[in-house]
Amino acid sequence: MALTLGQLQAERDKILDAMAQPITVQFSDRRSVTFRAQADLDAALKRVDAEIARLQSPQSRQFTIRTSRGLSR
């Protein structure tokens, strides 16, 4: 399913928010660990940015006309 430009920009905003907020894991013995999955978020951001760039860039089209009669040089 292809996302629209607006949906992609919303996803990009969610990724940026997730980058700013660390993840905290609480264990049963009251220990906790705080971390960020930076590599995963960076990869997701690159994919979304590439898709946004693809949707925003104009697509060039090239047409080639070939004929064996009807048009002469």
N, C-alpha and C. Protein backbone atom coordinates (compact mmCIF):
# COMPACT_ATOMS: atom_id res chain seq x y z
N MET A 1 0.84 -1.17 0.00
CA MET A 1 0.00 0.00 0.00
C MET A 1 0.89 1.24 0.00
N ALA A 2 0.71 2.10 -0.95
CA ALA A 2 1.50 3.33 -1.05
C ALA A 2 0.88 4.42 -0.19
N LEU A 3 1.72 5.12 0.51
CA LEU A 3 1.25 6.20 1.38
C LEU A 3 1.24 7.52 0.59
N THR A 4 0.37 8.40 0.98
CA THR A 4 0.32 9.72 0.36
C THR A 4 1.42 10.59 0.96
N LEU A 5 1.65 11.74 0.35
CA LEU A 5 2.68 12.65 0.83
C LEU A 5 2.38 13.10 2.26
N GLY A 6 1.13 13.40 2.55
CA GLY A 6 0.74 13.80 3.90
C GLY A 6 0.98 12.71 4.93
N GLN A 7 0.67 11.47 4.56
CA GLN A 7 0.89 10.34 5.47
C GLN A 7 2.38 10.12 5.71
N LEU A 8 3.18 10.26 4.66
CA LEU A 8 4.63 10.10 4.81
C LEU A 8 5.21 11.18 5.72
N GLN A 9 4.73 12.40 5.57
CA GLN A 9 5.23 13.49 6.41
C GLN A 9 4.81 13.27 7.87
N ALA A 10 3.63 12.73 8.09
CA ALA A 10 3.19 12.40 9.45
C ALA A 10 4.07 11.30 10.05
N GLU A 11 4.40 10.30 9.25
CA GLU A 11 5.29 9.22 9.71
C GLU A 11 6.67 9.77 10.03
N ARG A 12 7.15 10.71 9.22
CA ARG A 12 8.45 11.34 9.46
C ARG A 12 8.44 12.07 10.80
N ASP A 13 7.36 12.78 11.07
CA ASP A 13 7.23 13.48 12.35
C ASP A 13 7.25 12.51 13.53
N LYS A 14 6.58 11.37 13.38
CA LYS A 14 6.56 10.35 14.44
C LYS A 14 7.97 9.80 14.70
N ILE A 15 8.72 9.58 13.62
CA ILE A 15 10.08 9.07 13.76
C ILE A 15 10.96 10.09 14.48
N LEU A 16 10.83 11.36 14.11
CA LEU A 16 11.61 12.40 14.76
C LEU A 16 11.25 12.53 16.25
N ASP A 17 9.97 12.38 16.57
CA ASP A 17 9.55 12.40 17.98
C ASP A 17 10.15 11.22 18.74
N ALA A 18 10.16 10.05 18.10
CA ALA A 18 10.72 8.86 18.74
C ALA A 18 12.22 9.02 18.96
N MET A 19 12.90 9.73 18.06
CA MET A 19 14.34 9.95 18.23
C MET A 19 14.63 10.83 19.46
N ALA A 20 13.72 11.71 19.76
CA ALA A 20 13.92 12.63 20.89
C ALA A 20 13.59 12.00 22.24
N GLN A 21 12.81 10.93 22.23
CA GLN A 21 12.36 10.32 23.48
C GLN A 21 13.03 8.95 23.66
N PRO A 22 13.82 8.80 24.71
CA PRO A 22 14.43 7.49 24.95
C PRO A 22 13.39 6.47 25.43
N ILE A 23 13.72 5.21 25.25
CA ILE A 23 12.86 4.11 25.69
C ILE A 23 13.37 3.61 27.03
N THR A 24 12.48 3.48 28.00
CA THR A 24 12.86 2.98 29.31
C THR A 24 12.20 1.63 29.54
N VAL A 25 13.02 0.66 29.92
CA VAL A 25 12.54 -0.69 30.20
C VAL A 25 12.69 -0.92 31.70
N GLN A 26 11.60 -1.31 32.34
CA GLN A 26 11.60 -1.53 33.79
C GLN A 26 11.57 -3.04 34.04
N PHE A 27 12.51 -3.52 34.85
CA PHE A 27 12.58 -4.94 35.19
C PHE A 27 11.86 -5.19 36.51
N SER A 28 11.56 -6.47 36.78
CA SER A 28 10.80 -6.82 37.98
C SER A 28 11.57 -6.54 39.27
N ASP A 29 12.90 -6.53 39.20
CA ASP A 29 13.69 -6.25 40.41
C ASP A 29 14.01 -4.76 40.56
N ARG A 30 13.17 -3.93 39.96
CA ARG A 30 13.22 -2.48 40.04
C ARG A 30 14.40 -1.84 39.32
N ARG A 31 15.12 -2.62 38.56
CA ARG A 31 16.17 -2.03 37.72
C ARG A 31 15.51 -1.50 36.46
N SER A 32 16.11 -0.50 35.88
CA SER A 32 15.59 0.01 34.62
C SER A 32 16.75 0.37 33.70
N VAL A 33 16.50 0.30 32.43
CA VAL A 33 17.49 0.63 31.42
C VAL A 33 16.83 1.61 30.45
N THR A 34 17.55 2.67 30.13
CA THR A 34 17.06 3.65 29.18
C THR A 34 17.95 3.63 27.95
N PHE A 35 17.36 3.53 26.78
CA PHE A 35 18.14 3.48 25.55
C PHE A 35 17.33 4.04 24.39
N ARG A 36 18.01 4.23 23.29
CA ARG A 36 17.37 4.63 22.04
C ARG A 36 17.82 3.68 20.95
N ALA A 37 16.93 3.26 20.13
CA ALA A 37 17.26 2.40 18.99
C ALA A 37 17.62 3.31 17.81
N GLN A 38 18.74 4.01 17.93
CA GLN A 38 19.09 5.06 16.98
C GLN A 38 19.29 4.52 15.56
N ALA A 39 19.94 3.40 15.41
CA ALA A 39 20.21 2.86 14.07
C ALA A 39 18.91 2.53 13.34
N ASP A 40 17.97 1.93 14.04
CA ASP A 40 16.68 1.59 13.43
C ASP A 40 15.92 2.85 13.04
N LEU A 41 15.94 3.85 13.91
CA LEU A 41 15.23 5.09 13.61
C LEU A 41 15.89 5.84 12.45
N ASP A 42 17.22 5.82 12.39
CA ASP A 42 17.93 6.46 11.28
C ASP A 42 17.57 5.80 9.95
N ALA A 43 17.52 4.48 9.94
CA ALA A 43 17.18 3.76 8.71
C ALA A 43 15.75 4.05 8.28
N ALA A 44 14.83 4.09 9.24
CA ALA A 44 13.43 4.39 8.92
C ALA A 44 13.29 5.81 8.39
N LEU A 45 14.02 6.75 8.99
CA LEU A 45 13.97 8.14 8.54
C LEU A 45 14.51 8.28 7.11
N LYS A 46 15.57 7.57 6.81
CA LYS A 46 16.13 7.61 5.45
C LYS A 46 15.14 7.07 4.42
N ARG A 47 14.46 5.97 4.77
CA ARG A 47 13.48 5.39 3.84
C ARG A 47 12.32 6.34 3.60
N VAL A 48 11.82 6.96 4.67
CA VAL A 48 10.69 7.89 4.53
C VAL A 48 11.12 9.13 3.75
N ASP A 49 12.31 9.66 4.04
CA ASP A 49 12.81 10.82 3.31
C ASP A 49 12.97 10.53 1.82
N ALA A 50 13.46 9.34 1.50
CA ALA A 50 13.63 8.96 0.09
C ALA A 50 12.28 8.88 -0.62
N GLU A 51 11.29 8.33 0.06
CA GLU A 51 9.96 8.22 -0.55
C GLU A 51 9.32 9.60 -0.72
N ILE A 52 9.51 10.49 0.26
CA ILE A 52 8.99 11.85 0.14
C ILE A 52 9.66 12.56 -1.04
N ALA A 53 10.96 12.42 -1.17
CA ALA A 53 11.68 13.04 -2.28
C ALA A 53 11.20 12.50 -3.61
N ARG A 54 10.93 11.20 -3.67
CA ARG A 54 10.45 10.60 -4.92
C ARG A 54 9.08 11.17 -5.30
N LEU A 55 8.21 11.36 -4.31
CA LEU A 55 6.88 11.88 -4.60
C LEU A 55 6.90 13.36 -4.96
N GLN A 56 7.86 14.11 -4.41
CA GLN A 56 7.91 15.54 -4.66
C GLN A 56 8.64 15.90 -5.95
N SER A 57 9.48 15.02 -6.45
CA SER A 57 10.25 15.36 -7.65
C SER A 57 9.41 15.10 -8.89
N PRO A 58 9.55 15.98 -9.88
CA PRO A 58 8.79 15.76 -11.12
C PRO A 58 9.33 14.54 -11.85
N GLN A 59 8.42 13.80 -12.42
CA GLN A 59 8.83 12.61 -13.16
C GLN A 59 8.96 12.97 -14.63
N SER A 60 10.12 12.70 -15.18
CA SER A 60 10.31 12.98 -16.60
C SER A 60 9.89 11.75 -17.40
N ARG A 61 9.34 12.02 -18.54
CA ARG A 61 8.91 10.94 -19.42
C ARG A 61 9.48 11.18 -20.79
N GLN A 62 9.91 10.13 -21.41
CA GLN A 62 10.50 10.22 -22.74
C GLN A 62 9.69 9.34 -23.67
N PHE A 63 9.29 9.93 -24.78
CA PHE A 63 8.54 9.19 -25.78
C PHE A 63 9.38 9.08 -27.03
N THR A 64 9.41 7.91 -27.61
CA THR A 64 10.10 7.69 -28.87
C THR A 64 9.07 7.22 -29.88
N ILE A 65 9.03 7.92 -30.99
CA ILE A 65 8.09 7.56 -32.05
C ILE A 65 8.88 6.93 -33.19
N ARG A 66 8.47 5.76 -33.58
CA ARG A 66 9.11 5.07 -34.69
C ARG A 66 8.02 4.74 -35.71
N THR A 67 8.36 4.97 -36.95
CA THR A 67 7.41 4.66 -38.02
C THR A 67 8.19 4.20 -39.25
N SER A 68 7.54 3.40 -40.07
CA SER A 68 8.21 2.93 -41.28
C SER A 68 7.64 3.64 -42.52
N ARG A 69 6.50 4.28 -42.35
CA ARG A 69 5.97 5.06 -43.47
C ARG A 69 5.04 6.15 -42.93
N GLY A 70 4.79 7.12 -43.74
CA GLY A 70 3.91 8.19 -43.32
C GLY A 70 4.68 9.46 -42.95
N LEU A 71 5.85 9.31 -42.40
CA LEU A 71 6.70 10.47 -42.07
C LEU A 71 8.00 10.32 -42.82
N SER A 72 8.40 11.35 -43.54
CA SER A 72 9.65 11.26 -44.29
C SER A 72 10.58 12.37 -43.82
N ARG A 73 11.80 12.14 -44.01
CA ARG A 73 12.80 13.12 -43.63
C ARG A 73 13.26 13.91 -44.81
